[in-house]
C-alpha atoms as a PDB file:
ATOM      1  CA  UNK A   1      -6.314  -4.978  13.472  1.00  0.00           C
ATOM      2  CA  UNK A   2      -6.935  -3.123  10.207  1.00  0.00           C
ATOM      3  CA  UNK A   3     -10.541  -2.689   9.189  1.00  0.00           C
ATOM      4  CA  UNK A   4     -11.805  -4.272   5.989  1.00  0.00           C
ATOM      5  CA  UNK A   5     -13.621  -1.145   4.826  1.00  0.00           C
ATOM      6  CA  UNK A   6     -16.834  -0.264   3.016  1.00  0.00           C
ATOM      7  CA  UNK A   7     -16.995   0.151  -0.750  1.00  0.00           C
ATOM      8  CA  UNK A   8     -19.971   1.672  -2.563  1.00  0.00           C
ATOM      9  CA  UNK A   9     -20.639   1.002  -6.244  1.00  0.00           C
ATOM     10  CA  UNK A  10     -23.557   2.541  -8.185  1.00  0.00           C
ATOM     11  CA  UNK A  11     -24.896   1.345 -11.546  1.00  0.00           C
ATOM     12  CA  UNK A  12     -27.838   2.669 -13.563  1.00  0.00           C
ATOM     13  CA  UNK A  13     -29.092  -0.658 -14.926  1.00  0.00           C
ATOM     14  CA  UNK A  14     -31.760   1.004 -17.086  1.00  0.00           C
ATOM     15  CA  UNK A  15     -29.012   2.559 -19.201  1.00  0.00           C
ATOM     16  CA  UNK A  16     -26.220   0.124 -18.399  1.00  0.00           C
ATOM     17  CA  UNK A  17     -23.825   2.787 -17.101  1.00  0.00           C
ATOM     18  CA  UNK A  18     -21.850   3.518 -13.962  1.00  0.00           C
ATOM     19  CA  UNK A  19     -23.500   6.172 -11.793  1.00  0.00           C
ATOM     20  CA  UNK A  20     -20.667   8.660 -12.173  1.00  0.00           C
ATOM     21  CA  UNK A  21     -21.399  11.778 -10.141  1.00  0.00           C
ATOM     22  CA  UNK A  22     -23.988  10.198  -7.810  1.00  0.00           C
ATOM     23  CA  UNK A  23     -23.574  11.858  -4.401  1.00  0.00           C
ATOM     24  CA  UNK A  24     -23.441   9.434  -1.458  1.00  0.00           C
ATOM     25  CA  UNK A  25     -22.948   9.770   2.283  1.00  0.00           C
ATOM     26  CA  UNK A  26     -21.697   6.964   4.544  1.00  0.00           C
ATOM     27  CA  UNK A  27     -22.629   7.479   8.197  1.00  0.00           C
ATOM     28  CA  UNK A  28     -22.004   5.657  11.460  1.00  0.00           C
ATOM     29  CA  UNK A  29     -25.180   5.708  13.571  1.00  0.00           C
ATOM     30  CA  UNK A  30     -23.787   5.024  17.050  1.00  0.00           C
ATOM     31  CA  UNK A  31     -23.047   6.386  19.538  1.00  0.00           C
ATOM     32  CA  UNK A  32     -24.430   9.307  17.509  1.00  0.00           C
ATOM     33  CA  UNK A  33     -24.880   9.897  13.808  1.00  0.00           C
ATOM     34  CA  UNK A  34     -21.665  11.046  12.119  1.00  0.00           C
ATOM     35  CA  UNK A  35     -20.575  11.249   8.506  1.00  0.00           C
ATOM     36  CA  UNK A  36     -17.623   8.966   7.751  1.00  0.00           C
ATOM     37  CA  UNK A  37     -17.453   9.645   4.015  1.00  0.00           C
ATOM     38  CA  UNK A  38     -19.271  11.831   1.516  1.00  0.00           C
ATOM     39  CA  UNK A  39     -18.642  12.432  -2.149  1.00  0.00           C
ATOM     40  CA  UNK A  40     -19.504  11.682  -5.746  1.00  0.00           C
ATOM     41  CA  UNK A  41     -18.992   8.319  -7.379  1.00  0.00           C
ATOM     42  CA  UNK A  42     -16.200   8.244  -9.948  1.00  0.00           C
ATOM     43  CA  UNK A  43     -16.226   7.206 -13.606  1.00  0.00           C
ATOM     44  CA  UNK A  44     -16.139   3.554 -12.504  1.00  0.00           C
ATOM     45  CA  UNK A  45     -19.227   4.107 -10.317  1.00  0.00           C
ATOM     46  CA  UNK A  46     -17.289   3.739  -7.072  1.00  0.00           C
ATOM     47  CA  UNK A  47     -16.603   6.084  -4.180  1.00  0.00           C
ATOM     48  CA  UNK A  48     -12.878   6.764  -3.867  1.00  0.00           C
ATOM     49  CA  UNK A  49     -12.427   7.430  -0.156  1.00  0.00           C
ATOM     50  CA  UNK A  50     -10.172   6.065   2.618  1.00  0.00           C
ATOM     51  CA  UNK A  51     -13.231   4.332   4.161  1.00  0.00           C
ATOM     52  CA  UNK A  52     -12.873   1.773   1.347  1.00  0.00           C
ATOM     53  CA  UNK A  53      -9.655   0.694   3.048  1.00  0.00           C
ATOM     54  CA  UNK A  54     -11.179   0.803   6.536  1.00  0.00           C
ATOM     55  CA  UNK A  55     -10.426   4.342   7.697  1.00  0.00           C
ATOM     56  CA  UNK A  56     -13.079   5.489  10.161  1.00  0.00           C
ATOM     57  CA  UNK A  57     -14.956   2.179  10.071  1.00  0.00           C
ATOM     58  CA  UNK A  58     -16.065   0.616  13.366  1.00  0.00           C
ATOM     59  CA  UNK A  59     -18.475  -2.142  14.314  1.00  0.00           C
ATOM     60  CA  UNK A  60     -22.123  -1.168  14.637  1.00  0.00           C
ATOM     61  CA  UNK A  61     -25.004   0.241  12.604  1.00  0.00           C
ATOM     62  CA  UNK A  62     -24.309   2.356   9.524  1.00  0.00           C
ATOM     63  CA  UNK A  63     -26.298   4.062   6.807  1.00  0.00           C
ATOM     64  CA  UNK A  64     -25.579   5.046   3.226  1.00  0.00           C
ATOM     65  CA  UNK A  65     -27.656   7.848   1.721  1.00  0.00           C
ATOM     66  CA  UNK A  66     -27.887   7.794  -2.062  1.00  0.00           C
ATOM     67  CA  UNK A  67     -28.945  11.169  -3.522  1.00  0.00           C
ATOM     68  CA  UNK A  68     -30.615   9.400  -6.415  1.00  0.00           C
ATOM     69  CA  UNK A  69     -33.238  11.971  -7.415  1.00  0.00           C
ATOM     70  CA  UNK A  70     -30.595  14.649  -8.027  1.00  0.00           C
ATOM     71  CA  UNK A  71     -28.547  12.200 -10.112  1.00  0.00           C
ATOM     72  CA  UNK A  72     -31.529  11.068 -12.198  1.00  0.00           C
ATOM     73  CA  UNK A  73     -32.448  14.688 -12.995  1.00  0.00           C
ATOM     74  CA  UNK A  74     -28.841  15.549 -13.899  1.00  0.00           C
ATOM     75  CA  UNK A  75     -28.643  12.415 -16.082  1.00  0.00           C
ATOM     76  CA  UNK A  76     -31.529  13.667 -18.201  1.00  0.00           C
ATOM     77  CA  UNK A  77     -34.367  11.471 -17.032  1.00  0.00           C
ATOM     78  CA  UNK A  78     -37.831  12.988 -17.530  1.00  0.00           C
ATOM     79  CA  UNK A  79     -39.830  14.691 -14.771  1.00  0.00           C
ATOM     80  CA  UNK A  80     -42.145  11.657 -14.718  1.00  0.00           C
ATOM     81  CA  UNK A  81     -39.191   9.316 -14.258  1.00  0.00           C
ATOM     82  CA  UNK A  82     -37.576  11.403 -11.495  1.00  0.00           C
ATOM     83  CA  UNK A  83     -40.728  11.887  -9.424  1.00  0.00           C
ATOM     84  CA  UNK A  84     -40.619   8.482  -7.698  1.00  0.00           C
ATOM     85  CA  UNK A  85     -37.213   8.003  -5.997  1.00  0.00           C
ATOM     86  CA  UNK A  86     -35.277  10.776  -4.292  1.00  0.00           C
ATOM     87  CA  UNK A  87     -33.066  10.270  -1.256  1.00  0.00           C
ATOM     88  CA  UNK A  88     -32.552   6.513  -0.799  1.00  0.00           C
ATOM     89  CA  UNK A  89     -31.281   5.321   2.624  1.00  0.00           C
ATOM     90  CA  UNK A  90     -29.755   1.894   3.240  1.00  0.00           C
ATOM     91  CA  UNK A  91     -29.017   0.747   6.791  1.00  0.00           C
ATOM     92  CA  UNK A  92     -26.715  -2.138   7.609  1.00  0.00           C
ATOM     93  CA  UNK A  93     -24.612  -3.425  10.488  1.00  0.00           C
ATOM     94  CA  UNK A  94     -20.875  -4.011  10.477  1.00  0.00           C
ATOM     95  CA  UNK A  95     -20.295  -6.987  12.726  1.00  0.00           C
ATOM     96  CA  UNK A  96     -16.671  -7.769  11.890  1.00  0.00           C
ATOM     97  CA  UNK A  97     -14.420  -4.820  11.015  1.00  0.00           C
ATOM     98  CA  UNK A  98     -11.829  -7.190   9.557  1.00  0.00           C
ATOM     99  CA  UNK A  99     -14.237  -8.084   6.741  1.00  0.00           C
ATOM    100  CA  UNK A 100     -14.837  -5.901   3.692  1.00  0.00           C
ATOM    101  CA  UNK A 101     -18.394  -4.725   3.075  1.00  0.00           C
ATOM    102  CA  UNK A 102     -19.049  -4.119  -0.631  1.00  0.00           C
ATOM    103  CA  UNK A 103     -22.402  -2.424  -1.355  1.00  0.00           C
ATOM    104  CA  UNK A 104     -23.430  -2.637  -5.023  1.00  0.00           C
ATOM    105  CA  UNK A 105     -26.341  -0.230  -5.609  1.00  0.00           C
ATOM    106  CA  UNK A 106     -28.233  -1.054  -8.809  1.00  0.00           C
ATOM    107  CA  UNK A 107     -31.141   1.128  -9.827  1.00  0.00           C
ATOM    108  CA  UNK A 108     -33.604   2.408 -12.394  1.00  0.00           C
ATOM    109  CA  UNK A 109     -35.892   5.423 -11.930  1.00  0.00           C
ATOM    110  CA  UNK A 110     -38.507   2.977 -10.597  1.00  0.00           C
ATOM    111  CA  UNK A 111     -36.621   0.738  -8.190  1.00  0.00           C
ATOM    112  CA  UNK A 112     -33.400  -0.273  -6.507  1.00  0.00           C
ATOM    113  CA  UNK A 113     -31.444  -3.354  -5.588  1.00  0.00           C
ATOM    114  CA  UNK A 114     -28.813  -3.188  -2.900  1.00  0.00           C
ATOM    115  CA  UNK A 115     -27.030  -6.041  -1.194  1.00  0.00           C
ATOM    116  CA  UNK A 116     -23.732  -7.024   0.358  1.00  0.00           C
ATOM    117  CA  UNK A 117     -21.485  -8.162  -2.449  1.00  0.00           C
ATOM    118  CA  UNK A 118     -18.071  -9.759  -2.399  1.00  0.00           C
END
């Protein structure tokens, strides 16, 4: 059975732009932590990686690490605005590998919203 995959989509909602260049890491946590995908989000704010189509995806706990502080600094936010959020982890469980897990990550320098989308 082909896996449904995991897609990651980042949007800076303070500026209304895709988070092009945001570095993310997708990791499986069991039986031991291993990186499945790592890279920068594209111009559309999405990670272009085979994991989107299910490659390397298995049932169990996973984590995405969003290197948000680095992105905010590179995007020109002030030192005051970049002092709050840095490395943002999000843990979730894949229960059915046939389903697609879309993770829209919406953020400002002061907060985040992340959920399973469709």
